[in-house]
All heavy atoms as atom14 arrays in JSON, in Angstrom:
{
  "sequence": "RLSVEARRGYYAPAPLTKAEIDSAEKLERLDHQVLADDQLTDVT",
  "atom14_mask": [
    [1, 1, 1, 1, 1, 1, 1, 1, 1, 1, 1, 0, 0, 0],
    [1, 1, 1, 1, 1, 1, 1, 1, 0, 0, 0, 0, 0, 0],
    [1, 1, 1, 1, 1, 1, 0, 0, 0, 0, 0, 0, 0, 0],
    [1, 1, 1, 1, 1, 1, 1, 0, 0, 0, 0, 0, 0, 0],
    [1, 1, 1, 1, 1, 1, 1, 1, 1, 0, 0, 0, 0, 0],
    [1, 1, 1, 1, 1, 0, 0, 0, 0, 0, 0, 0, 0, 0],
    [1, 1, 1, 1, 1, 1, 1, 1, 1, 1, 1, 0, 0, 0],
    [1, 1, 1, 1, 1, 1, 1, 1, 1, 1, 1, 0, 0, 0],
    [1, 1, 1, 1, 0, 0, 0, 0, 0, 0, 0, 0, 0, 0],
    [1, 1, 1, 1, 1, 1, 1, 1, 1, 1, 1, 1, 0, 0],
    [1, 1, 1, 1, 1, 1, 1, 1, 1, 1, 1, 1, 0, 0],
    [1, 1, 1, 1, 1, 0, 0, 0, 0, 0, 0, 0, 0, 0],
    [1, 1, 1, 1, 1, 1, 1, 0, 0, 0, 0, 0, 0, 0],
    [1, 1, 1, 1, 1, 0, 0, 0, 0, 0, 0, 0, 0, 0],
    [1, 1, 1, 1, 1, 1, 1, 0, 0, 0, 0, 0, 0, 0],
    [1, 1, 1, 1, 1, 1, 1, 1, 0, 0, 0, 0, 0, 0],
    [1, 1, 1, 1, 1, 1, 1, 0, 0, 0, 0, 0, 0, 0],
    [1, 1, 1, 1, 1, 1, 1, 1, 1, 0, 0, 0, 0, 0],
    [1, 1, 1, 1, 1, 0, 0, 0, 0, 0, 0, 0, 0, 0],
    [1, 1, 1, 1, 1, 1, 1, 1, 1, 0, 0, 0, 0, 0],
    [1, 1, 1, 1, 1, 1, 1, 1, 0, 0, 0, 0, 0, 0],
    [1, 1, 1, 1, 1, 1, 1, 1, 0, 0, 0, 0, 0, 0],
    [1, 1, 1, 1, 1, 1, 0, 0, 0, 0, 0, 0, 0, 0],
    [1, 1, 1, 1, 1, 0, 0, 0, 0, 0, 0, 0, 0, 0],
    [1, 1, 1, 1, 1, 1, 1, 1, 1, 0, 0, 0, 0, 0],
    [1, 1, 1, 1, 1, 1, 1, 1, 1, 0, 0, 0, 0, 0],
    [1, 1, 1, 1, 1, 1, 1, 1, 0, 0, 0, 0, 0, 0],
    [1, 1, 1, 1, 1, 1, 1, 1, 1, 0, 0, 0, 0, 0],
    [1, 1, 1, 1, 1, 1, 1, 1, 1, 1, 1, 0, 0, 0],
    [1, 1, 1, 1, 1, 1, 1, 1, 0, 0, 0, 0, 0, 0],
    [1, 1, 1, 1, 1, 1, 1, 1, 0, 0, 0, 0, 0, 0],
    [1, 1, 1, 1, 1, 1, 1, 1, 1, 1, 0, 0, 0, 0],
    [1, 1, 1, 1, 1, 1, 1, 1, 1, 0, 0, 0, 0, 0],
    [1, 1, 1, 1, 1, 1, 1, 0, 0, 0, 0, 0, 0, 0],
    [1, 1, 1, 1, 1, 1, 1, 1, 0, 0, 0, 0, 0, 0],
    [1, 1, 1, 1, 1, 0, 0, 0, 0, 0, 0, 0, 0, 0],
    [1, 1, 1, 1, 1, 1, 1, 1, 0, 0, 0, 0, 0, 0],
    [1, 1, 1, 1, 1, 1, 1, 1, 0, 0, 0, 0, 0, 0],
    [1, 1, 1, 1, 1, 1, 1, 1, 1, 0, 0, 0, 0, 0],
    [1, 1, 1, 1, 1, 1, 1, 1, 0, 0, 0, 0, 0, 0],
    [1, 1, 1, 1, 1, 1, 1, 0, 0, 0, 0, 0, 0, 0],
    [1, 1, 1, 1, 1, 1, 1, 1, 0, 0, 0, 0, 0, 0],
    [1, 1, 1, 1, 1, 1, 1, 0, 0, 0, 0, 0, 0, 0],
    [1, 1, 1, 1, 1, 1, 1, 0, 0, 0, 0, 0, 0, 0]
  ],
  "atom14_positions": [
    [[39.88, 102.57, -8.98], [39.71, 102.26, -7.52], [39.38, 100.73, -7.24], [38.8, 100.37, -6.32], [38.5, 103.07, -6.99], [38.76, 104.5, -6.9], [37.59, 105.2, -6.19], [37.48, 106.57, -6.47], [36.47, 107.23, -5.98], [35.54, 106.71, -5.3], [36.51, 108.54, -6.18], [0.0, 0.0, 0.0], [0.0, 0.0, 0.0], [0.0, 0.0, 0.0]],
    [[39.8, 99.9, -8.21], [39.63, 98.42, -8.0], [40.93, 97.73, -7.91], [42.02, 98.29, -8.61], [38.81, 97.87, -9.15], [37.32, 98.51, -9.28], [36.67, 97.94, -10.48], [36.57, 98.08, -8.01], [0.0, 0.0, 0.0], [0.0, 0.0, 0.0], [0.0, 0.0, 0.0], [0.0, 0.0, 0.0], [0.0, 0.0, 0.0], [0.0, 0.0, 0.0]],
    [[41.0, 96.72, -7.25], [42.2, 95.99, -7.17], [41.85, 94.4, -7.39], [40.74, 93.94, -7.17], [42.97, 96.07, -5.86], [42.08, 95.64, -4.83], [0.0, 0.0, 0.0], [0.0, 0.0, 0.0], [0.0, 0.0, 0.0], [0.0, 0.0, 0.0], [0.0, 0.0, 0.0], [0.0, 0.0, 0.0], [0.0, 0.0, 0.0], [0.0, 0.0, 0.0]],
    [[42.83, 93.63, -7.73], [42.6, 92.18, -8.0], [43.46, 91.36, -6.93], [44.57, 91.71, -6.72], [43.0, 91.78, -9.51], [42.92, 90.32, -9.62], [42.24, 92.56, -10.43], [0.0, 0.0, 0.0], [0.0, 0.0, 0.0], [0.0, 0.0, 0.0], [0.0, 0.0, 0.0], [0.0, 0.0, 0.0], [0.0, 0.0, 0.0], [0.0, 0.0, 0.0]],
    [[42.88, 90.49, -6.43], [43.5, 89.41, -5.45], [43.14, 88.08, -6.25], [42.05, 87.66, -6.24], [42.89, 89.49, -4.1], [43.32, 90.7, -3.35], [42.84, 90.62, -1.91], [42.77, 89.53, -1.31], [42.51, 91.76, -1.38], [0.0, 0.0, 0.0], [0.0, 0.0, 0.0], [0.0, 0.0, 0.0], [0.0, 0.0, 0.0], [0.0, 0.0, 0.0]],
    [[44.15, 87.44, -6.6], [44.0, 86.1, -7.29], [45.26, 85.16, -6.94], [46.23, 85.71, -6.8], [43.74, 86.41, -8.83], [0.0, 0.0, 0.0], [0.0, 0.0, 0.0], [0.0, 0.0, 0.0], [0.0, 0.0, 0.0], [0.0, 0.0, 0.0], [0.0, 0.0, 0.0], [0.0, 0.0, 0.0], [0.0, 0.0, 0.0], [0.0, 0.0, 0.0]],
    [[44.93, 83.96, -7.06], [46.08, 83.02, -7.03], [46.89, 83.05, -8.24], [46.42, 83.53, -9.41], [45.52, 81.5, -6.94], [44.76, 81.28, -5.71], [44.44, 79.83, -5.57], [43.73, 79.34, -6.69], [43.43, 77.95, -6.89], [43.94, 77.17, -6.04], [42.78, 77.64, -7.89], [0.0, 0.0, 0.0], [0.0, 0.0, 0.0], [0.0, 0.0, 0.0]],
    [[48.27, 82.9, -8.05], [49.15, 82.85, -9.22], [48.81, 81.65, -10.13], [49.22, 81.82, -11.4], [50.62, 82.78, -8.82], [50.99, 83.94, -7.9], [52.53, 83.67, -7.56], [52.8, 82.33, -7.96], [54.02, 81.79, -7.86], [55.02, 82.3, -7.14], [54.33, 80.51, -8.27], [0.0, 0.0, 0.0], [0.0, 0.0, 0.0], [0.0, 0.0, 0.0]],
    [[48.16, 80.68, -9.76], [47.99, 79.58, -10.71], [47.26, 78.44, -9.92], [46.87, 78.65, -8.81], [0.0, 0.0, 0.0], [0.0, 0.0, 0.0], [0.0, 0.0, 0.0], [0.0, 0.0, 0.0], [0.0, 0.0, 0.0], [0.0, 0.0, 0.0], [0.0, 0.0, 0.0], [0.0, 0.0, 0.0], [0.0, 0.0, 0.0], [0.0, 0.0, 0.0]],
    [[47.24, 77.23, -10.56], [46.74, 76.16, -9.94], [47.55, 74.83, -10.47], [48.22, 74.94, -11.51], [45.27, 75.89, -10.35], [45.01, 75.58, -11.73], [44.89, 74.38, -12.3], [44.96, 76.71, -12.67], [44.76, 74.06, -13.6], [44.86, 76.34, -13.99], [44.63, 75.08, -14.59], [44.45, 74.83, -15.85], [0.0, 0.0, 0.0], [0.0, 0.0, 0.0]],
    [[47.46, 73.82, -9.7], [48.04, 72.44, -10.13], [46.93, 71.62, -10.66], [45.89, 71.43, -10.16], [48.67, 71.87, -8.89], [49.84, 72.42, -8.39], [49.94, 73.35, -7.29], [51.11, 71.99, -9.06], [51.14, 73.92, -7.03], [52.4, 72.61, -8.72], [52.25, 73.55, -7.6], [53.45, 74.07, -7.12], [0.0, 0.0, 0.0], [0.0, 0.0, 0.0]],
    [[47.23, 71.05, -11.87], [46.36, 70.06, -12.55], [46.3, 68.79, -11.67], [47.31, 68.56, -10.93], [46.64, 69.85, -13.91], [0.0, 0.0, 0.0], [0.0, 0.0, 0.0], [0.0, 0.0, 0.0], [0.0, 0.0, 0.0], [0.0, 0.0, 0.0], [0.0, 0.0, 0.0], [0.0, 0.0, 0.0], [0.0, 0.0, 0.0], [0.0, 0.0, 0.0]],
    [[45.25, 68.1, -11.7], [45.32, 66.74, -10.86], [46.42, 65.9, -11.44], [46.79, 65.92, -12.6], [43.87, 66.16, -11.18], [43.29, 67.02, -12.27], [44.03, 68.25, -12.37], [0.0, 0.0, 0.0], [0.0, 0.0, 0.0], [0.0, 0.0, 0.0], [0.0, 0.0, 0.0], [0.0, 0.0, 0.0], [0.0, 0.0, 0.0], [0.0, 0.0, 0.0]],
    [[47.04, 65.2, -10.56], [48.03, 64.26, -10.96], [47.32, 63.0, -11.67], [46.29, 62.6, -11.43], [48.74, 63.66, -9.68], [0.0, 0.0, 0.0], [0.0, 0.0, 0.0], [0.0, 0.0, 0.0], [0.0, 0.0, 0.0], [0.0, 0.0, 0.0], [0.0, 0.0, 0.0], [0.0, 0.0, 0.0], [0.0, 0.0, 0.0], [0.0, 0.0, 0.0]],
    [[48.1, 62.28, -12.41], [47.49, 61.22, -13.22], [47.23, 60.12, -12.14], [47.95, 59.94, -11.12], [48.62, 60.79, -14.18], [49.87, 61.41, -13.69], [49.52, 62.57, -12.81], [0.0, 0.0, 0.0], [0.0, 0.0, 0.0], [0.0, 0.0, 0.0], [0.0, 0.0, 0.0], [0.0, 0.0, 0.0], [0.0, 0.0, 0.0], [0.0, 0.0, 0.0]],
    [[46.09, 59.4, -12.39], [45.81, 58.16, -11.48], [46.6, 57.09, -11.79], [47.06, 56.82, -12.91], [44.41, 57.86, -11.83], [43.32, 58.83, -11.43], [41.95, 58.42, -11.85], [43.28, 59.31, -9.98], [0.0, 0.0, 0.0], [0.0, 0.0, 0.0], [0.0, 0.0, 0.0], [0.0, 0.0, 0.0], [0.0, 0.0, 0.0], [0.0, 0.0, 0.0]],
    [[46.97, 56.34, -10.64], [47.68, 55.1, -10.84], [46.74, 53.97, -11.17], [45.53, 54.14, -11.12], [48.36, 54.67, -9.44], [47.37, 54.43, -8.47], [49.23, 55.81, -8.9], [0.0, 0.0, 0.0], [0.0, 0.0, 0.0], [0.0, 0.0, 0.0], [0.0, 0.0, 0.0], [0.0, 0.0, 0.0], [0.0, 0.0, 0.0], [0.0, 0.0, 0.0]],
    [[47.36, 52.87, -11.6], [46.44, 51.76, -12.06], [45.77, 51.25, -10.87], [44.39, 50.96, -11.16], [47.29, 50.51, -12.47], [46.47, 49.43, -12.92], [47.24, 48.45, -13.93], [46.35, 47.31, -14.13], [44.98, 47.13, -14.06], [0.0, 0.0, 0.0], [0.0, 0.0, 0.0], [0.0, 0.0, 0.0], [0.0, 0.0, 0.0], [0.0, 0.0, 0.0]],
    [[46.27, 51.36, -9.7], [45.5, 50.8, -8.51], [44.25, 51.8, -8.22], [43.18, 51.38, -7.89], [46.37, 50.78, -7.27], [0.0, 0.0, 0.0], [0.0, 0.0, 0.0], [0.0, 0.0, 0.0], [0.0, 0.0, 0.0], [0.0, 0.0, 0.0], [0.0, 0.0, 0.0], [0.0, 0.0, 0.0], [0.0, 0.0, 0.0], [0.0, 0.0, 0.0]],
    [[44.62, 53.1, -8.44], [43.46, 54.1, -8.17], [42.32, 54.0, -9.33], [41.1, 54.11, -8.91], [44.04, 55.48, -8.24], [44.82, 55.88, -7.01], [45.59, 57.25, -7.11], [45.97, 57.58, -8.32], [45.71, 57.79, -6.19], [0.0, 0.0, 0.0], [0.0, 0.0, 0.0], [0.0, 0.0, 0.0], [0.0, 0.0, 0.0], [0.0, 0.0, 0.0]],
    [[42.79, 53.63, -10.56], [41.79, 53.45, -11.52], [41.06, 52.22, -11.29], [39.72, 52.28, -11.47], [42.45, 53.39, -12.98], [43.07, 54.69, -13.28], [41.52, 52.91, -14.0], [43.97, 54.7, -14.53], [0.0, 0.0, 0.0], [0.0, 0.0, 0.0], [0.0, 0.0, 0.0], [0.0, 0.0, 0.0], [0.0, 0.0, 0.0], [0.0, 0.0, 0.0]],
    [[41.57, 51.1, -10.9], [41.02, 49.91, -10.6], [39.99, 50.04, -9.44], [38.79, 49.62, -9.51], [41.91, 48.79, -10.27], [42.7, 48.29, -11.42], [42.33, 48.66, -12.54], [43.76, 47.5, -11.21], [0.0, 0.0, 0.0], [0.0, 0.0, 0.0], [0.0, 0.0, 0.0], [0.0, 0.0, 0.0], [0.0, 0.0, 0.0], [0.0, 0.0, 0.0]],
    [[40.43, 50.78, -8.37], [39.63, 50.97, -7.24], [38.33, 51.92, -7.61], [37.26, 51.6, -7.22], [40.38, 51.85, -6.13], [39.59, 52.07, -4.97], [0.0, 0.0, 0.0], [0.0, 0.0, 0.0], [0.0, 0.0, 0.0], [0.0, 0.0, 0.0], [0.0, 0.0, 0.0], [0.0, 0.0, 0.0], [0.0, 0.0, 0.0], [0.0, 0.0, 0.0]],
    [[38.47, 52.9, -8.46], [37.48, 53.74, -8.78], [36.46, 52.93, -9.69], [35.24, 53.14, -9.52], [37.92, 54.94, -9.61], [0.0, 0.0, 0.0], [0.0, 0.0, 0.0], [0.0, 0.0, 0.0], [0.0, 0.0, 0.0], [0.0, 0.0, 0.0], [0.0, 0.0, 0.0], [0.0, 0.0, 0.0], [0.0, 0.0, 0.0], [0.0, 0.0, 0.0]],
    [[36.95, 52.1, -10.57], [35.99, 51.28, -11.44], [35.36, 50.24, -10.49], [34.01, 50.06, -10.77], [36.93, 50.36, -12.45], [37.35, 51.34, -13.57], [38.37, 50.62, -14.48], [38.72, 49.45, -14.26], [38.8, 51.2, -15.5], [0.0, 0.0, 0.0], [0.0, 0.0, 0.0], [0.0, 0.0, 0.0], [0.0, 0.0, 0.0], [0.0, 0.0, 0.0]],
    [[35.8, 49.7, -9.48], [35.22, 48.75, -8.52], [34.12, 49.58, -7.82], [32.87, 49.06, -7.6], [36.15, 48.11, -7.59], [37.07, 47.1, -8.23], [38.1, 46.63, -7.26], [39.11, 45.79, -7.82], [40.29, 45.42, -6.92], [0.0, 0.0, 0.0], [0.0, 0.0, 0.0], [0.0, 0.0, 0.0], [0.0, 0.0, 0.0], [0.0, 0.0, 0.0]],
    [[34.46, 50.75, -7.36], [33.48, 51.59, -6.66], [32.24, 52.03, -7.49], [31.17, 51.92, -7.04], [34.09, 52.79, -6.09], [33.23, 53.72, -5.22], [32.57, 52.97, -4.04], [34.06, 54.92, -4.72], [0.0, 0.0, 0.0], [0.0, 0.0, 0.0], [0.0, 0.0, 0.0], [0.0, 0.0, 0.0], [0.0, 0.0, 0.0], [0.0, 0.0, 0.0]],
    [[32.49, 52.33, -8.83], [31.44, 52.63, -9.74], [30.66, 51.52, -9.99], [29.36, 51.53, -10.06], [32.11, 53.15, -11.0], [31.19, 53.6, -12.1], [31.79, 54.11, -13.36], [32.81, 54.77, -13.19], [31.3, 53.77, -14.37], [0.0, 0.0, 0.0], [0.0, 0.0, 0.0], [0.0, 0.0, 0.0], [0.0, 0.0, 0.0], [0.0, 0.0, 0.0]],
    [[31.17, 50.28, -10.16], [30.35, 49.03, -10.32], [29.55, 48.8, -9.13], [28.35, 48.38, -9.3], [31.25, 47.83, -10.57], [30.51, 46.62, -10.86], [31.45, 45.4, -11.57], [30.49, 44.34, -11.77], [30.73, 43.13, -11.29], [31.77, 42.94, -10.61], [30.01, 42.19, -11.65], [0.0, 0.0, 0.0], [0.0, 0.0, 0.0], [0.0, 0.0, 0.0]],
    [[30.08, 49.02, -7.97], [29.29, 48.72, -6.73], [28.16, 49.86, -6.56], [26.94, 49.41, -6.45], [30.25, 49.03, -5.44], [29.61, 48.85, -4.05], [29.01, 47.45, -3.86], [30.64, 49.32, -2.99], [0.0, 0.0, 0.0], [0.0, 0.0, 0.0], [0.0, 0.0, 0.0], [0.0, 0.0, 0.0], [0.0, 0.0, 0.0], [0.0, 0.0, 0.0]],
    [[28.42, 51.1, -6.96], [27.39, 52.07, -6.87], [26.28, 51.77, -7.87], [24.99, 51.78, -7.62], [27.75, 53.36, -7.2], [28.69, 54.08, -6.04], [28.58, 53.55, -4.86], [29.37, 55.16, -6.29], [0.0, 0.0, 0.0], [0.0, 0.0, 0.0], [0.0, 0.0, 0.0], [0.0, 0.0, 0.0], [0.0, 0.0, 0.0], [0.0, 0.0, 0.0]],
    [[26.58, 51.35, -9.11], [25.65, 50.89, -10.19], [24.83, 49.89, -9.63], [23.54, 49.74, -9.86], [26.42, 50.54, -11.39], [25.44, 49.97, -12.4], [24.67, 50.66, -13.2], [25.26, 48.64, -12.78], [24.02, 50.02, -14.09], [24.29, 48.65, -13.81], [0.0, 0.0, 0.0], [0.0, 0.0, 0.0], [0.0, 0.0, 0.0], [0.0, 0.0, 0.0]],
    [[25.38, 48.69, -9.0], [24.56, 47.59, -8.59], [23.62, 47.93, -7.48], [22.6, 47.29, -7.31], [25.58, 46.48, -8.13], [26.01, 45.75, -9.31], [24.93, 45.18, -10.28], [24.0, 44.66, -9.77], [25.21, 45.34, -11.55], [0.0, 0.0, 0.0], [0.0, 0.0, 0.0], [0.0, 0.0, 0.0], [0.0, 0.0, 0.0], [0.0, 0.0, 0.0]],
    [[23.85, 48.87, -6.65], [22.92, 49.23, -5.61], [21.61, 49.75, -6.16], [20.58, 49.4, -5.69], [23.49, 50.33, -4.57], [22.48, 50.78, -3.72], [24.71, 49.76, -3.87], [0.0, 0.0, 0.0], [0.0, 0.0, 0.0], [0.0, 0.0, 0.0], [0.0, 0.0, 0.0], [0.0, 0.0, 0.0], [0.0, 0.0, 0.0], [0.0, 0.0, 0.0]],
    [[21.69, 50.54, -7.33], [20.55, 51.09, -7.98], [19.87, 50.1, -8.87], [18.78, 50.43, -9.38], [20.81, 52.39, -8.58], [21.29, 53.4, -7.5], [21.72, 54.6, -8.22], [20.19, 53.76, -6.47], [0.0, 0.0, 0.0], [0.0, 0.0, 0.0], [0.0, 0.0, 0.0], [0.0, 0.0, 0.0], [0.0, 0.0, 0.0], [0.0, 0.0, 0.0]],
    [[20.61, 49.06, -9.27], [20.01, 48.12, -10.31], [19.0, 47.16, -9.61], [18.83, 47.26, -8.42], [21.25, 47.29, -10.92], [0.0, 0.0, 0.0], [0.0, 0.0, 0.0], [0.0, 0.0, 0.0], [0.0, 0.0, 0.0], [0.0, 0.0, 0.0], [0.0, 0.0, 0.0], [0.0, 0.0, 0.0], [0.0, 0.0, 0.0], [0.0, 0.0, 0.0]],
    [[18.45, 46.25, -10.4], [17.47, 45.26, -9.85], [17.85, 43.88, -10.29], [17.19, 42.97, -10.12], [16.07, 45.74, -10.13], [15.75, 45.78, -11.53], [16.62, 45.45, -12.45], [14.64, 46.07, -11.89], [0.0, 0.0, 0.0], [0.0, 0.0, 0.0], [0.0, 0.0, 0.0], [0.0, 0.0, 0.0], [0.0, 0.0, 0.0], [0.0, 0.0, 0.0]],
    [[18.88, 43.68, -11.0], [19.28, 42.3, -11.55], [20.1, 41.55, -10.31], [20.56, 42.1, -9.36], [20.18, 42.37, -12.69], [21.37, 43.26, -12.51], [21.5, 44.07, -11.68], [22.46, 42.87, -13.24], [0.0, 0.0, 0.0], [0.0, 0.0, 0.0], [0.0, 0.0, 0.0], [0.0, 0.0, 0.0], [0.0, 0.0, 0.0], [0.0, 0.0, 0.0]],
    [[20.14, 40.28, -10.45], [20.78, 39.34, -9.54], [22.17, 39.15, -10.07], [22.42, 38.91, -11.26], [19.99, 38.05, -9.42], [18.61, 38.19, -8.97], [18.37, 38.26, -7.41], [18.07, 39.32, -7.06], [18.67, 37.17, -6.86], [0.0, 0.0, 0.0], [0.0, 0.0, 0.0], [0.0, 0.0, 0.0], [0.0, 0.0, 0.0], [0.0, 0.0, 0.0]],
    [[23.13, 39.15, -9.12], [24.54, 38.84, -9.54], [24.99, 37.79, -8.45], [24.71, 37.87, -7.26], [25.45, 40.1, -9.41], [25.46, 40.91, -10.68], [26.5, 42.13, -10.44], [25.82, 40.36, -11.84], [0.0, 0.0, 0.0], [0.0, 0.0, 0.0], [0.0, 0.0, 0.0], [0.0, 0.0, 0.0], [0.0, 0.0, 0.0], [0.0, 0.0, 0.0]],
    [[25.79, 36.86, -8.98], [26.36, 35.81, -7.98], [27.8, 35.62, -8.1], [28.17, 34.43, -8.08], [25.5, 34.66, -8.28], [25.68, 34.1, -9.73], [24.08, 34.67, -8.0], [0.0, 0.0, 0.0], [0.0, 0.0, 0.0], [0.0, 0.0, 0.0], [0.0, 0.0, 0.0], [0.0, 0.0, 0.0], [0.0, 0.0, 0.0], [0.0, 0.0, 0.0]],
    [[28.55, 36.68, -8.38], [30.06, 36.61, -8.41], [30.5, 36.09, -7.01], [31.62, 35.44, -6.85], [30.65, 37.88, -8.7], [30.32, 38.4, -10.05], [29.84, 37.65, -10.91], [30.53, 39.65, -10.4], [0.0, 0.0, 0.0], [0.0, 0.0, 0.0], [0.0, 0.0, 0.0], [0.0, 0.0, 0.0], [0.0, 0.0, 0.0], [0.0, 0.0, 0.0]],
    [[29.82, 36.42, -5.95], [30.08, 36.01, -4.54], [28.97, 35.27, -4.15], [27.72, 35.72, -4.38], [30.39, 37.31, -3.69], [30.55, 36.87, -2.17], [31.5, 38.09, -4.18], [0.0, 0.0, 0.0], [0.0, 0.0, 0.0], [0.0, 0.0, 0.0], [0.0, 0.0, 0.0], [0.0, 0.0, 0.0], [0.0, 0.0, 0.0], [0.0, 0.0, 0.0]],
    [[29.15, 34.1, -3.5], [28.04, 33.41, -3.07], [27.45, 33.82, -1.8], [28.25, 33.95, -0.71], [28.41, 31.89, -2.8], [28.99, 31.43, -4.09], [27.22, 31.06, -2.36], [0.0, 0.0, 0.0], [0.0, 0.0, 0.0], [0.0, 0.0, 0.0], [0.0, 0.0, 0.0], [0.0, 0.0, 0.0], [0.0, 0.0, 0.0], [0.0, 0.0, 0.0]]
  ]
}
């Protein structure tokens, strides 16, 4: 008296492009710096 409803499958995420990896790394560095307390002067 039971039945199953399920998807046939799933798509794995596509590989990231170099631009997406670079963008993610920049965002991660930005997030890290918000919570840090050191001074950085890459930009004046």
